[in-house]
Amino acid sequence: MTTIETLLDEGGRTFADEAGIQLEDTPAPLYRLLVLSVLLSRRVQAQLGIRACRELVESGLGTPARMRDATWQERIDALARAKYRSTEQTSTALGEGAQLVLDEWGGDLRRMRKAADGDAGTLAEHLTAVPRLGPVGADIFTREVQAVWPEFRPHLDAKALDGAEKLGFPRDPRKLAEQVPGDDLARFAAALVRETVNG
């Protein structure tokens, strides 16, 4: 049977880390995680979404102001370089989403954190107001952000719990969280999701 230590060693890399996001409780990394969550909300391979996020950031679009101020075509070109599909709709959504983050949260998602006050349901409501970020994307964001927003631990969504069940771990998020150090919970969740997707 796979142990938690083995799982963390073999697959315990967050999607944010794969996308080159050094996640911290500061505006730019949190916004980049939001963009990644939008890209992964679509039915695309995770690697495509990760690559598209990297390309957008490397193209200088890693803050809401820069994303909003980029032309529609500049966003399309960055997505196309990453071979991401639905470039036109996604370019529009990213521009509108950046404007929403600026208007509603002053460009700083820590304000969203404060408004959610530790309630994952409230956080999901705020997140799904972002264009093209549905419940799946909200789960991705919360699953990853628990690394720096500990009040949302444990966040193990249905995909993570499916992976846990497949490996013979308890399906109860609290029981699982008791076996994993808090700082490793986001990595553990990512590893469980990979088990579900790759299995």
N, C-alpha and C. Protein backbone atom coordinates (compact mmCIF):
# COMPACT_ATOMS: atom_id res chain seq x y z
N MET A 1 0.84 -1.20 0.00
CA MET A 1 0.00 0.00 0.00
C MET A 1 0.88 1.25 0.00
N THR A 2 0.46 2.25 -0.77
CA THR A 2 1.19 3.51 -0.84
C THR A 2 1.10 4.24 0.49
N THR A 3 2.22 4.72 0.97
CA THR A 3 2.20 5.50 2.21
C THR A 3 2.11 6.98 1.86
N ILE A 4 1.73 7.78 2.83
CA ILE A 4 1.64 9.23 2.61
C ILE A 4 3.00 9.79 2.24
N GLU A 5 4.04 9.30 2.89
CA GLU A 5 5.40 9.79 2.60
C GLU A 5 5.78 9.49 1.15
N THR A 6 5.46 8.27 0.70
CA THR A 6 5.77 7.89 -0.69
C THR A 6 5.01 8.76 -1.66
N LEU A 7 3.74 8.97 -1.37
CA LEU A 7 2.90 9.78 -2.24
C LEU A 7 3.44 11.21 -2.35
N LEU A 8 3.84 11.78 -1.22
CA LEU A 8 4.39 13.13 -1.23
C LEU A 8 5.71 13.18 -2.01
N ASP A 9 6.53 12.14 -1.84
CA ASP A 9 7.82 12.10 -2.54
C ASP A 9 7.63 11.98 -4.05
N GLU A 10 6.67 11.15 -4.46
CA GLU A 10 6.52 10.84 -5.89
C GLU A 10 5.63 11.82 -6.64
N GLY A 11 4.60 12.35 -5.98
CA GLY A 11 3.66 13.21 -6.71
C GLY A 11 3.27 14.47 -5.98
N GLY A 12 4.00 14.78 -4.91
CA GLY A 12 3.60 15.89 -4.06
C GLY A 12 4.12 17.24 -4.51
N ARG A 13 3.82 17.58 -5.73
CA ARG A 13 4.19 18.91 -6.24
C ARG A 13 2.90 19.63 -6.60
N THR A 14 2.70 20.81 -6.06
CA THR A 14 1.46 21.52 -6.36
C THR A 14 1.45 21.96 -7.82
N PHE A 15 0.26 22.20 -8.34
CA PHE A 15 0.13 22.69 -9.71
C PHE A 15 0.71 24.09 -9.83
N ALA A 16 0.57 24.89 -8.76
CA ALA A 16 1.18 26.23 -8.76
C ALA A 16 2.69 26.13 -8.93
N ASP A 17 3.31 25.22 -8.19
CA ASP A 17 4.75 25.04 -8.29
C ASP A 17 5.15 24.62 -9.70
N GLU A 18 4.38 23.73 -10.29
CA GLU A 18 4.66 23.31 -11.67
C GLU A 18 4.57 24.47 -12.64
N ALA A 19 3.68 25.41 -12.34
CA ALA A 19 3.49 26.58 -13.21
C ALA A 19 4.52 27.67 -12.94
N GLY A 20 5.44 27.40 -12.00
CA GLY A 20 6.48 28.38 -11.70
C GLY A 20 6.02 29.47 -10.75
N ILE A 21 4.91 29.23 -10.04
CA ILE A 21 4.39 30.20 -9.09
C ILE A 21 4.96 29.88 -7.71
N GLN A 22 5.74 30.80 -7.17
CA GLN A 22 6.22 30.63 -5.79
C GLN A 22 5.14 31.21 -4.89
N LEU A 23 4.26 30.33 -4.43
CA LEU A 23 3.05 30.79 -3.76
C LEU A 23 3.36 31.40 -2.40
N GLU A 24 2.94 32.64 -2.24
CA GLU A 24 3.06 33.37 -0.98
C GLU A 24 1.78 34.16 -0.80
N ASP A 25 1.56 34.65 0.42
CA ASP A 25 0.38 35.45 0.68
C ASP A 25 0.64 36.90 0.30
N THR A 26 0.92 37.10 -0.98
CA THR A 26 1.16 38.43 -1.55
C THR A 26 0.38 38.53 -2.86
N PRO A 27 0.08 39.75 -3.33
CA PRO A 27 -0.84 39.89 -4.46
C PRO A 27 -0.47 39.17 -5.75
N ALA A 28 0.76 39.31 -6.23
CA ALA A 28 1.09 38.74 -7.54
C ALA A 28 0.98 37.21 -7.58
N PRO A 29 1.59 36.46 -6.63
CA PRO A 29 1.45 35.00 -6.70
C PRO A 29 0.00 34.53 -6.55
N LEU A 30 -0.77 35.21 -5.72
CA LEU A 30 -2.17 34.82 -5.54
C LEU A 30 -2.96 35.05 -6.83
N TYR A 31 -2.68 36.16 -7.51
CA TYR A 31 -3.36 36.41 -8.79
C TYR A 31 -2.95 35.36 -9.82
N ARG A 32 -1.68 34.99 -9.84
CA ARG A 32 -1.22 33.98 -10.81
C ARG A 32 -1.89 32.63 -10.54
N LEU A 33 -2.10 32.32 -9.27
CA LEU A 33 -2.84 31.09 -8.93
C LEU A 33 -4.28 31.18 -9.44
N LEU A 34 -4.88 32.36 -9.36
CA LEU A 34 -6.23 32.55 -9.88
C LEU A 34 -6.26 32.31 -11.39
N VAL A 35 -5.29 32.87 -12.10
CA VAL A 35 -5.20 32.66 -13.56
C VAL A 35 -5.04 31.17 -13.86
N LEU A 36 -4.16 30.51 -13.13
CA LEU A 36 -3.97 29.07 -13.32
C LEU A 36 -5.29 28.32 -13.10
N SER A 37 -6.03 28.72 -12.08
CA SER A 37 -7.30 28.06 -11.77
C SER A 37 -8.32 28.27 -12.89
N VAL A 38 -8.31 29.46 -13.50
CA VAL A 38 -9.19 29.72 -14.65
C VAL A 38 -8.81 28.79 -15.80
N LEU A 39 -7.52 28.70 -16.07
CA LEU A 39 -7.05 27.88 -17.19
C LEU A 39 -7.34 26.39 -16.98
N LEU A 40 -7.24 25.95 -15.73
CA LEU A 40 -7.48 24.53 -15.42
C LEU A 40 -8.97 24.22 -15.24
N SER A 41 -9.82 25.26 -15.23
CA SER A 41 -11.27 25.04 -15.13
C SER A 41 -11.83 24.42 -16.39
N ARG A 42 -11.18 24.68 -17.51
CA ARG A 42 -11.63 24.12 -18.78
C ARG A 42 -11.25 22.65 -18.83
N ARG A 43 -11.90 21.91 -19.71
CA ARG A 43 -11.57 20.50 -19.87
C ARG A 43 -10.31 20.38 -20.73
N VAL A 44 -9.19 20.68 -20.10
CA VAL A 44 -7.90 20.58 -20.79
C VAL A 44 -6.98 19.73 -19.94
N GLN A 45 -5.94 19.21 -20.57
CA GLN A 45 -4.93 18.49 -19.81
C GLN A 45 -4.26 19.49 -18.86
N ALA A 46 -3.98 19.04 -17.66
CA ALA A 46 -3.37 19.92 -16.67
C ALA A 46 -2.10 20.56 -17.22
N GLN A 47 -1.31 19.79 -17.95
CA GLN A 47 -0.04 20.33 -18.45
C GLN A 47 -0.25 21.50 -19.41
N LEU A 48 -1.34 21.49 -20.17
CA LEU A 48 -1.63 22.61 -21.08
C LEU A 48 -1.95 23.87 -20.28
N GLY A 49 -2.77 23.73 -19.25
CA GLY A 49 -3.11 24.87 -18.41
C GLY A 49 -1.89 25.42 -17.69
N ILE A 50 -1.06 24.52 -17.20
CA ILE A 50 0.18 24.92 -16.50
C ILE A 50 1.10 25.67 -17.47
N ARG A 51 1.24 25.12 -18.67
CA ARG A 51 2.11 25.75 -19.67
C ARG A 51 1.57 27.13 -20.08
N ALA A 52 0.26 27.23 -20.23
CA ALA A 52 -0.36 28.51 -20.61
C ALA A 52 -0.15 29.55 -19.52
N CYS A 53 -0.28 29.15 -18.27
CA CYS A 53 -0.06 30.08 -17.16
C CYS A 53 1.38 30.58 -17.16
N ARG A 54 2.32 29.66 -17.34
CA ARG A 54 3.74 30.04 -17.40
C ARG A 54 3.99 31.05 -18.52
N GLU A 55 3.39 30.78 -19.67
CA GLU A 55 3.58 31.64 -20.84
C GLU A 55 3.01 33.04 -20.60
N LEU A 56 1.84 33.11 -19.99
CA LEU A 56 1.24 34.42 -19.69
C LEU A 56 2.14 35.22 -18.74
N VAL A 57 2.64 34.56 -17.70
CA VAL A 57 3.50 35.24 -16.73
C VAL A 57 4.81 35.67 -17.39
N GLU A 58 5.39 34.77 -18.18
CA GLU A 58 6.66 35.10 -18.85
C GLU A 58 6.47 36.22 -19.89
N SER A 59 5.22 36.38 -20.36
CA SER A 59 4.92 37.46 -21.31
C SER A 59 4.60 38.77 -20.60
N GLY A 60 4.77 38.79 -19.27
CA GLY A 60 4.58 40.02 -18.51
C GLY A 60 3.16 40.26 -18.04
N LEU A 61 2.32 39.20 -18.07
CA LEU A 61 0.91 39.38 -17.71
C LEU A 61 0.60 38.73 -16.36
N GLY A 62 1.51 38.89 -15.40
CA GLY A 62 1.37 38.21 -14.12
C GLY A 62 0.71 39.02 -13.02
N THR A 63 0.17 40.19 -13.36
CA THR A 63 -0.59 40.97 -12.38
C THR A 63 -1.90 41.38 -13.03
N PRO A 64 -2.93 41.68 -12.22
CA PRO A 64 -4.21 42.05 -12.83
C PRO A 64 -4.12 43.30 -13.70
N ALA A 65 -3.31 44.27 -13.30
CA ALA A 65 -3.18 45.50 -14.11
C ALA A 65 -2.54 45.19 -15.46
N ARG A 66 -1.49 44.38 -15.44
CA ARG A 66 -0.82 44.03 -16.71
C ARG A 66 -1.72 43.18 -17.60
N MET A 67 -2.48 42.27 -16.99
CA MET A 67 -3.40 41.43 -17.77
C MET A 67 -4.49 42.30 -18.39
N ARG A 68 -5.05 43.21 -17.60
CA ARG A 68 -6.11 44.08 -18.12
C ARG A 68 -5.58 44.98 -19.24
N ASP A 69 -4.38 45.51 -19.06
CA ASP A 69 -3.84 46.48 -20.02
C ASP A 69 -3.30 45.85 -21.30
N ALA A 70 -3.06 44.54 -21.26
CA ALA A 70 -2.62 43.86 -22.49
C ALA A 70 -3.76 43.87 -23.51
N THR A 71 -3.41 43.86 -24.77
CA THR A 71 -4.46 43.79 -25.78
C THR A 71 -5.03 42.37 -25.82
N TRP A 72 -6.23 42.29 -26.35
CA TRP A 72 -6.88 41.00 -26.52
C TRP A 72 -5.97 40.07 -27.33
N GLN A 73 -5.34 40.62 -28.39
CA GLN A 73 -4.48 39.82 -29.25
C GLN A 73 -3.21 39.36 -28.52
N GLU A 74 -2.67 40.21 -27.66
CA GLU A 74 -1.46 39.82 -26.90
C GLU A 74 -1.77 38.61 -26.00
N ARG A 75 -2.94 38.63 -25.38
CA ARG A 75 -3.32 37.48 -24.55
C ARG A 75 -3.52 36.24 -25.42
N ILE A 76 -4.18 36.40 -26.55
CA ILE A 76 -4.38 35.26 -27.47
C ILE A 76 -3.04 34.69 -27.91
N ASP A 77 -2.11 35.56 -28.27
CA ASP A 77 -0.80 35.11 -28.76
C ASP A 77 -0.07 34.30 -27.70
N ALA A 78 -0.13 34.76 -26.44
CA ALA A 78 0.54 34.02 -25.35
C ALA A 78 -0.10 32.64 -25.18
N LEU A 79 -1.44 32.59 -25.20
CA LEU A 79 -2.13 31.30 -25.06
C LEU A 79 -1.81 30.38 -26.24
N ALA A 80 -1.75 30.95 -27.44
CA ALA A 80 -1.46 30.15 -28.63
C ALA A 80 -0.04 29.58 -28.57
N ARG A 81 0.91 30.37 -28.05
CA ARG A 81 2.28 29.86 -27.92
C ARG A 81 2.33 28.64 -27.01
N ALA A 82 1.42 28.59 -26.05
CA ALA A 82 1.36 27.44 -25.13
C ALA A 82 0.48 26.32 -25.68
N LYS A 83 -0.07 26.54 -26.89
CA LYS A 83 -0.95 25.56 -27.55
C LYS A 83 -2.24 25.31 -26.75
N TYR A 84 -2.68 26.36 -26.07
CA TYR A 84 -3.92 26.29 -25.29
C TYR A 84 -5.09 26.55 -26.22
N ARG A 85 -6.14 25.74 -26.10
CA ARG A 85 -7.31 25.91 -26.97
C ARG A 85 -8.25 26.97 -26.39
N SER A 86 -9.30 27.30 -27.14
CA SER A 86 -10.28 28.32 -26.72
C SER A 86 -9.59 29.64 -26.43
N THR A 87 -8.66 30.03 -27.28
CA THR A 87 -7.87 31.22 -26.97
C THR A 87 -8.71 32.50 -26.97
N GLU A 88 -9.66 32.63 -27.92
CA GLU A 88 -10.43 33.87 -28.01
C GLU A 88 -11.27 34.09 -26.76
N GLN A 89 -12.06 33.06 -26.39
CA GLN A 89 -12.93 33.20 -25.20
C GLN A 89 -12.10 33.36 -23.93
N THR A 90 -10.99 32.63 -23.86
CA THR A 90 -10.15 32.71 -22.66
C THR A 90 -9.48 34.07 -22.56
N SER A 91 -9.04 34.63 -23.69
CA SER A 91 -8.44 35.96 -23.68
C SER A 91 -9.43 36.99 -23.15
N THR A 92 -10.65 36.92 -23.63
CA THR A 92 -11.69 37.85 -23.16
C THR A 92 -11.92 37.66 -21.66
N ALA A 93 -12.05 36.40 -21.23
CA ALA A 93 -12.32 36.10 -19.82
C ALA A 93 -11.19 36.60 -18.92
N LEU A 94 -9.94 36.42 -19.36
CA LEU A 94 -8.80 36.86 -18.55
C LEU A 94 -8.79 38.39 -18.39
N GLY A 95 -9.13 39.09 -19.47
CA GLY A 95 -9.21 40.54 -19.39
C GLY A 95 -10.32 41.00 -18.45
N GLU A 96 -11.48 40.37 -18.59
CA GLU A 96 -12.62 40.72 -17.73
C GLU A 96 -12.34 40.33 -16.28
N GLY A 97 -11.70 39.18 -16.08
CA GLY A 97 -11.38 38.72 -14.74
C GLY A 97 -10.39 39.65 -14.05
N ALA A 98 -9.41 40.13 -14.81
CA ALA A 98 -8.43 41.06 -14.24
C ALA A 98 -9.13 42.35 -13.81
N GLN A 99 -10.07 42.82 -14.64
CA GLN A 99 -10.82 44.03 -14.29
C GLN A 99 -11.64 43.81 -13.02
N LEU A 100 -12.25 42.62 -12.90
CA LEU A 100 -13.04 42.31 -11.71
C LEU A 100 -12.17 42.30 -10.46
N VAL A 101 -10.99 41.69 -10.56
CA VAL A 101 -10.08 41.64 -9.40
C VAL A 101 -9.67 43.06 -8.99
N LEU A 102 -9.45 43.92 -9.97
CA LEU A 102 -9.09 45.30 -9.66
C LEU A 102 -10.26 46.07 -9.05
N ASP A 103 -11.45 45.89 -9.63
CA ASP A 103 -12.62 46.64 -9.17
C ASP A 103 -13.11 46.16 -7.81
N GLU A 104 -13.22 44.83 -7.66
CA GLU A 104 -13.82 44.26 -6.44
C GLU A 104 -12.83 44.15 -5.28
N TRP A 105 -11.57 43.85 -5.62
CA TRP A 105 -10.60 43.51 -4.58
C TRP A 105 -9.37 44.40 -4.59
N GLY A 106 -9.43 45.50 -5.34
CA GLY A 106 -8.29 46.41 -5.38
C GLY A 106 -7.02 45.76 -5.88
N GLY A 107 -7.17 44.69 -6.68
CA GLY A 107 -6.01 43.98 -7.23
C GLY A 107 -5.34 43.05 -6.24
N ASP A 108 -5.93 42.87 -5.07
CA ASP A 108 -5.29 42.11 -4.00
C ASP A 108 -6.26 41.05 -3.45
N LEU A 109 -6.00 39.78 -3.76
CA LEU A 109 -6.91 38.71 -3.35
C LEU A 109 -6.87 38.44 -1.85
N ARG A 110 -5.95 39.06 -1.15
CA ARG A 110 -5.99 38.94 0.32
C ARG A 110 -7.26 39.60 0.87
N ARG A 111 -7.81 40.54 0.12
CA ARG A 111 -9.09 41.14 0.52
C ARG A 111 -10.22 40.13 0.37
N MET A 112 -10.13 39.29 -0.65
CA MET A 112 -11.10 38.20 -0.81
C MET A 112 -10.97 37.23 0.36
N ARG A 113 -9.74 36.95 0.74
CA ARG A 113 -9.50 36.06 1.89
C ARG A 113 -10.19 36.62 3.13
N LYS A 114 -10.00 37.90 3.36
CA LYS A 114 -10.59 38.53 4.54
C LYS A 114 -12.11 38.47 4.48
N ALA A 115 -12.68 38.72 3.30
CA ALA A 115 -14.13 38.70 3.13
C ALA A 115 -14.70 37.30 3.35
N ALA A 116 -13.95 36.28 2.96
CA ALA A 116 -14.42 34.89 3.13
C ALA A 116 -14.37 34.46 4.59
N ASP A 117 -13.48 35.04 5.37
CA ASP A 117 -13.41 34.79 6.81
C ASP A 117 -13.35 33.30 7.17
N GLY A 118 -12.52 32.58 6.43
CA GLY A 118 -12.31 31.16 6.75
C GLY A 118 -13.38 30.22 6.25
N ASP A 119 -14.38 30.72 5.53
CA ASP A 119 -15.47 29.87 5.04
C ASP A 119 -15.23 29.53 3.57
N ALA A 120 -15.00 28.24 3.29
CA ALA A 120 -14.68 27.81 1.93
C ALA A 120 -15.83 28.06 0.96
N GLY A 121 -17.07 27.95 1.46
CA GLY A 121 -18.23 28.19 0.61
C GLY A 121 -18.30 29.64 0.16
N THR A 122 -18.02 30.56 1.07
CA THR A 122 -18.01 31.99 0.73
C THR A 122 -16.87 32.29 -0.23
N LEU A 123 -15.72 31.69 0.02
CA LEU A 123 -14.58 31.89 -0.88
C LEU A 123 -14.95 31.40 -2.28
N ALA A 124 -15.61 30.25 -2.38
CA ALA A 124 -16.01 29.71 -3.68
C ALA A 124 -16.98 30.66 -4.40
N GLU A 125 -17.89 31.28 -3.66
CA GLU A 125 -18.82 32.24 -4.26
C GLU A 125 -18.06 33.41 -4.88
N HIS A 126 -17.08 33.93 -4.15
CA HIS A 126 -16.28 35.04 -4.69
C HIS A 126 -15.49 34.59 -5.91
N LEU A 127 -14.90 33.41 -5.84
CA LEU A 127 -14.07 32.91 -6.93
C LEU A 127 -14.88 32.66 -8.20
N THR A 128 -16.07 32.09 -8.05
CA THR A 128 -16.86 31.75 -9.24
C THR A 128 -17.50 32.97 -9.88
N ALA A 129 -17.33 34.14 -9.28
CA ALA A 129 -17.74 35.39 -9.94
C ALA A 129 -16.74 35.76 -11.04
N VAL A 130 -15.56 35.16 -11.01
CA VAL A 130 -14.54 35.42 -12.02
C VAL A 130 -14.93 34.69 -13.30
N PRO A 131 -14.93 35.38 -14.45
CA PRO A 131 -15.32 34.74 -15.71
C PRO A 131 -14.53 33.46 -16.00
N ARG A 132 -15.28 32.42 -16.41
CA ARG A 132 -14.73 31.11 -16.79
C ARG A 132 -14.05 30.37 -15.63
N LEU A 133 -14.36 30.78 -14.41
CA LEU A 133 -13.86 30.03 -13.25
C LEU A 133 -15.09 29.44 -12.55
N GLY A 134 -15.29 28.16 -12.78
CA GLY A 134 -16.45 27.49 -12.20
C GLY A 134 -16.09 26.79 -10.90
N PRO A 135 -16.97 25.90 -10.43
CA PRO A 135 -16.71 25.18 -9.18
C PRO A 135 -15.40 24.38 -9.21
N VAL A 136 -15.06 23.81 -10.35
CA VAL A 136 -13.80 23.05 -10.45
C VAL A 136 -12.62 23.99 -10.20
N GLY A 137 -12.64 25.15 -10.84
CA GLY A 137 -11.56 26.12 -10.65
C GLY A 137 -11.49 26.64 -9.23
N ALA A 138 -12.66 26.83 -8.61
CA ALA A 138 -12.69 27.29 -7.22
C ALA A 138 -12.06 26.25 -6.31
N ASP A 139 -12.34 24.97 -6.59
CA ASP A 139 -11.72 23.89 -5.81
C ASP A 139 -10.21 23.87 -6.00
N ILE A 140 -9.77 24.06 -7.24
CA ILE A 140 -8.33 24.06 -7.51
C ILE A 140 -7.67 25.19 -6.72
N PHE A 141 -8.24 26.39 -6.79
CA PHE A 141 -7.66 27.54 -6.09
C PHE A 141 -7.59 27.27 -4.60
N THR A 142 -8.69 26.80 -4.02
CA THR A 142 -8.74 26.60 -2.56
C THR A 142 -7.82 25.47 -2.13
N ARG A 143 -7.77 24.41 -2.94
CA ARG A 143 -6.89 23.27 -2.65
C ARG A 143 -5.43 23.72 -2.57
N GLU A 144 -5.05 24.61 -3.48
CA GLU A 144 -3.65 25.06 -3.53
C GLU A 144 -3.37 26.18 -2.52
N VAL A 145 -4.34 27.10 -2.35
CA VAL A 145 -4.08 28.26 -1.51
C VAL A 145 -4.05 27.90 -0.02
N GLN A 146 -4.55 26.71 0.32
CA GLN A 146 -4.50 26.31 1.74
C GLN A 146 -3.06 26.23 2.25
N ALA A 147 -2.10 26.17 1.33
CA ALA A 147 -0.69 26.18 1.74
C ALA A 147 -0.32 27.49 2.42
N VAL A 148 -0.98 28.59 2.03
CA VAL A 148 -0.64 29.90 2.61
C VAL A 148 -1.84 30.54 3.33
N TRP A 149 -3.02 29.97 3.15
CA TRP A 149 -4.21 30.42 3.87
C TRP A 149 -4.69 29.26 4.75
N PRO A 150 -4.06 29.03 5.88
CA PRO A 150 -4.33 27.82 6.67
C PRO A 150 -5.75 27.70 7.19
N GLU A 151 -6.49 28.81 7.25
CA GLU A 151 -7.87 28.71 7.76
C GLU A 151 -8.78 27.91 6.83
N PHE A 152 -8.33 27.62 5.60
CA PHE A 152 -9.13 26.82 4.68
C PHE A 152 -8.73 25.34 4.69
N ARG A 153 -7.84 24.96 5.58
CA ARG A 153 -7.47 23.55 5.72
C ARG A 153 -8.50 22.84 6.60
N PRO A 154 -8.78 21.57 6.32
CA PRO A 154 -8.31 20.83 5.14
C PRO A 154 -9.27 21.03 3.98
N HIS A 155 -8.72 21.34 2.81
CA HIS A 155 -9.56 21.41 1.60
C HIS A 155 -9.13 20.28 0.67
N LEU A 156 -9.89 19.21 0.73
CA LEU A 156 -9.67 18.05 -0.14
C LEU A 156 -10.96 17.85 -0.92
N ASP A 157 -10.95 18.25 -2.19
CA ASP A 157 -12.17 18.21 -2.99
C ASP A 157 -12.45 16.79 -3.47
N ALA A 158 -13.51 16.64 -4.26
CA ALA A 158 -13.96 15.30 -4.69
C ALA A 158 -12.86 14.55 -5.44
N LYS A 159 -12.11 15.26 -6.30
CA LYS A 159 -11.03 14.59 -7.05
C LYS A 159 -9.96 14.06 -6.12
N ALA A 160 -9.59 14.86 -5.14
CA ALA A 160 -8.58 14.42 -4.17
C ALA A 160 -9.09 13.25 -3.36
N LEU A 161 -10.34 13.31 -2.95
CA LEU A 161 -10.91 12.22 -2.15
C LEU A 161 -11.07 10.94 -2.96
N ASP A 162 -11.35 11.07 -4.27
CA ASP A 162 -11.39 9.89 -5.14
C ASP A 162 -10.02 9.21 -5.17
N GLY A 163 -8.97 10.03 -5.24
CA GLY A 163 -7.61 9.50 -5.23
C GLY A 163 -7.29 8.82 -3.90
N ALA A 164 -7.75 9.42 -2.81
CA ALA A 164 -7.52 8.83 -1.49
C ALA A 164 -8.19 7.47 -1.39
N GLU A 165 -9.43 7.39 -1.86
CA GLU A 165 -10.17 6.13 -1.80
C GLU A 165 -9.49 5.06 -2.64
N LYS A 166 -9.04 5.46 -3.81
CA LYS A 166 -8.37 4.53 -4.72
C LYS A 166 -7.11 3.92 -4.07
N LEU A 167 -6.45 4.73 -3.24
CA LEU A 167 -5.20 4.27 -2.61
C LEU A 167 -5.43 3.62 -1.24
N GLY A 168 -6.70 3.56 -0.82
CA GLY A 168 -6.99 2.91 0.45
C GLY A 168 -6.89 3.83 1.66
N PHE A 169 -6.82 5.14 1.43
CA PHE A 169 -6.83 6.10 2.53
C PHE A 169 -8.28 6.40 2.92
N PRO A 170 -8.50 6.94 4.10
CA PRO A 170 -9.87 7.35 4.47
C PRO A 170 -10.38 8.42 3.51
N ARG A 171 -11.68 8.42 3.27
CA ARG A 171 -12.25 9.43 2.38
C ARG A 171 -12.66 10.69 3.15
N ASP A 172 -12.54 10.65 4.45
CA ASP A 172 -12.92 11.78 5.30
C ASP A 172 -11.79 12.82 5.33
N PRO A 173 -12.06 14.07 4.89
CA PRO A 173 -10.98 15.08 4.84
C PRO A 173 -10.28 15.30 6.17
N ARG A 174 -11.02 15.32 7.26
CA ARG A 174 -10.39 15.58 8.57
C ARG A 174 -9.48 14.43 8.99
N LYS A 175 -9.95 13.20 8.76
CA LYS A 175 -9.11 12.03 9.10
C LYS A 175 -7.84 12.03 8.27
N LEU A 176 -7.98 12.37 6.99
CA LEU A 176 -6.79 12.45 6.13
C LEU A 176 -5.84 13.53 6.61
N ALA A 177 -6.40 14.69 6.93
CA ALA A 177 -5.57 15.83 7.34
C ALA A 177 -4.80 15.55 8.62
N GLU A 178 -5.37 14.72 9.47
CA GLU A 178 -4.69 14.36 10.72
C GLU A 178 -3.39 13.60 10.46
N GLN A 179 -3.32 12.95 9.30
CA GLN A 179 -2.15 12.13 8.98
C GLN A 179 -1.07 12.90 8.20
N VAL A 180 -1.40 14.14 7.82
CA VAL A 180 -0.49 14.92 6.97
C VAL A 180 -0.18 16.24 7.66
N PRO A 181 1.09 16.61 7.78
CA PRO A 181 1.41 17.91 8.36
C PRO A 181 0.73 19.02 7.56
N GLY A 182 0.23 20.04 8.26
CA GLY A 182 -0.53 21.11 7.60
C GLY A 182 0.18 21.73 6.42
N ASP A 183 1.49 21.93 6.53
CA ASP A 183 2.23 22.57 5.45
C ASP A 183 2.30 21.69 4.20
N ASP A 184 2.07 20.38 4.37
CA ASP A 184 2.13 19.46 3.24
C ASP A 184 0.76 19.14 2.65
N LEU A 185 -0.29 19.72 3.21
CA LEU A 185 -1.64 19.32 2.80
C LEU A 185 -1.93 19.66 1.35
N ALA A 186 -1.51 20.83 0.88
CA ALA A 186 -1.74 21.21 -0.52
C ALA A 186 -0.98 20.26 -1.45
N ARG A 187 0.25 19.90 -1.08
CA ARG A 187 1.04 18.96 -1.88
C ARG A 187 0.38 17.59 -1.89
N PHE A 188 -0.11 17.17 -0.73
CA PHE A 188 -0.79 15.88 -0.62
C PHE A 188 -2.05 15.86 -1.49
N ALA A 189 -2.82 16.94 -1.45
CA ALA A 189 -4.03 17.02 -2.26
C ALA A 189 -3.69 16.93 -3.75
N ALA A 190 -2.63 17.63 -4.17
CA ALA A 190 -2.21 17.59 -5.57
C ALA A 190 -1.82 16.17 -5.98
N ALA A 191 -1.11 15.47 -5.10
CA ALA A 191 -0.71 14.09 -5.39
C ALA A 191 -1.93 13.18 -5.52
N LEU A 192 -2.93 13.38 -4.67
CA LEU A 192 -4.15 12.57 -4.75
C LEU A 192 -4.90 12.83 -6.05
N VAL A 193 -4.95 14.09 -6.46
CA VAL A 193 -5.62 14.43 -7.73
C VAL A 193 -4.91 13.74 -8.89
N ARG A 194 -3.58 13.75 -8.86
CA ARG A 194 -2.84 13.08 -9.94
C ARG A 194 -3.18 11.59 -10.00
N GLU A 195 -3.36 10.97 -8.83
CA GLU A 195 -3.74 9.56 -8.80
C GLU A 195 -5.09 9.36 -9.49
N THR A 196 -6.02 10.28 -9.26
CA THR A 196 -7.36 10.18 -9.87
C THR A 196 -7.27 10.37 -11.37
N VAL A 197 -6.53 11.42 -11.79
CA VAL A 197 -6.46 11.77 -13.21
C VAL A 197 -5.65 10.74 -13.98
N ASN A 198 -4.53 10.31 -13.41
CA ASN A 198 -3.63 9.39 -14.13
C ASN A 198 -4.08 7.94 -14.05
N GLY A 199 -4.94 7.65 -13.05
CA GLY A 199 -5.41 6.27 -12.89
C GLY A 199 -6.43 5.93 -13.91
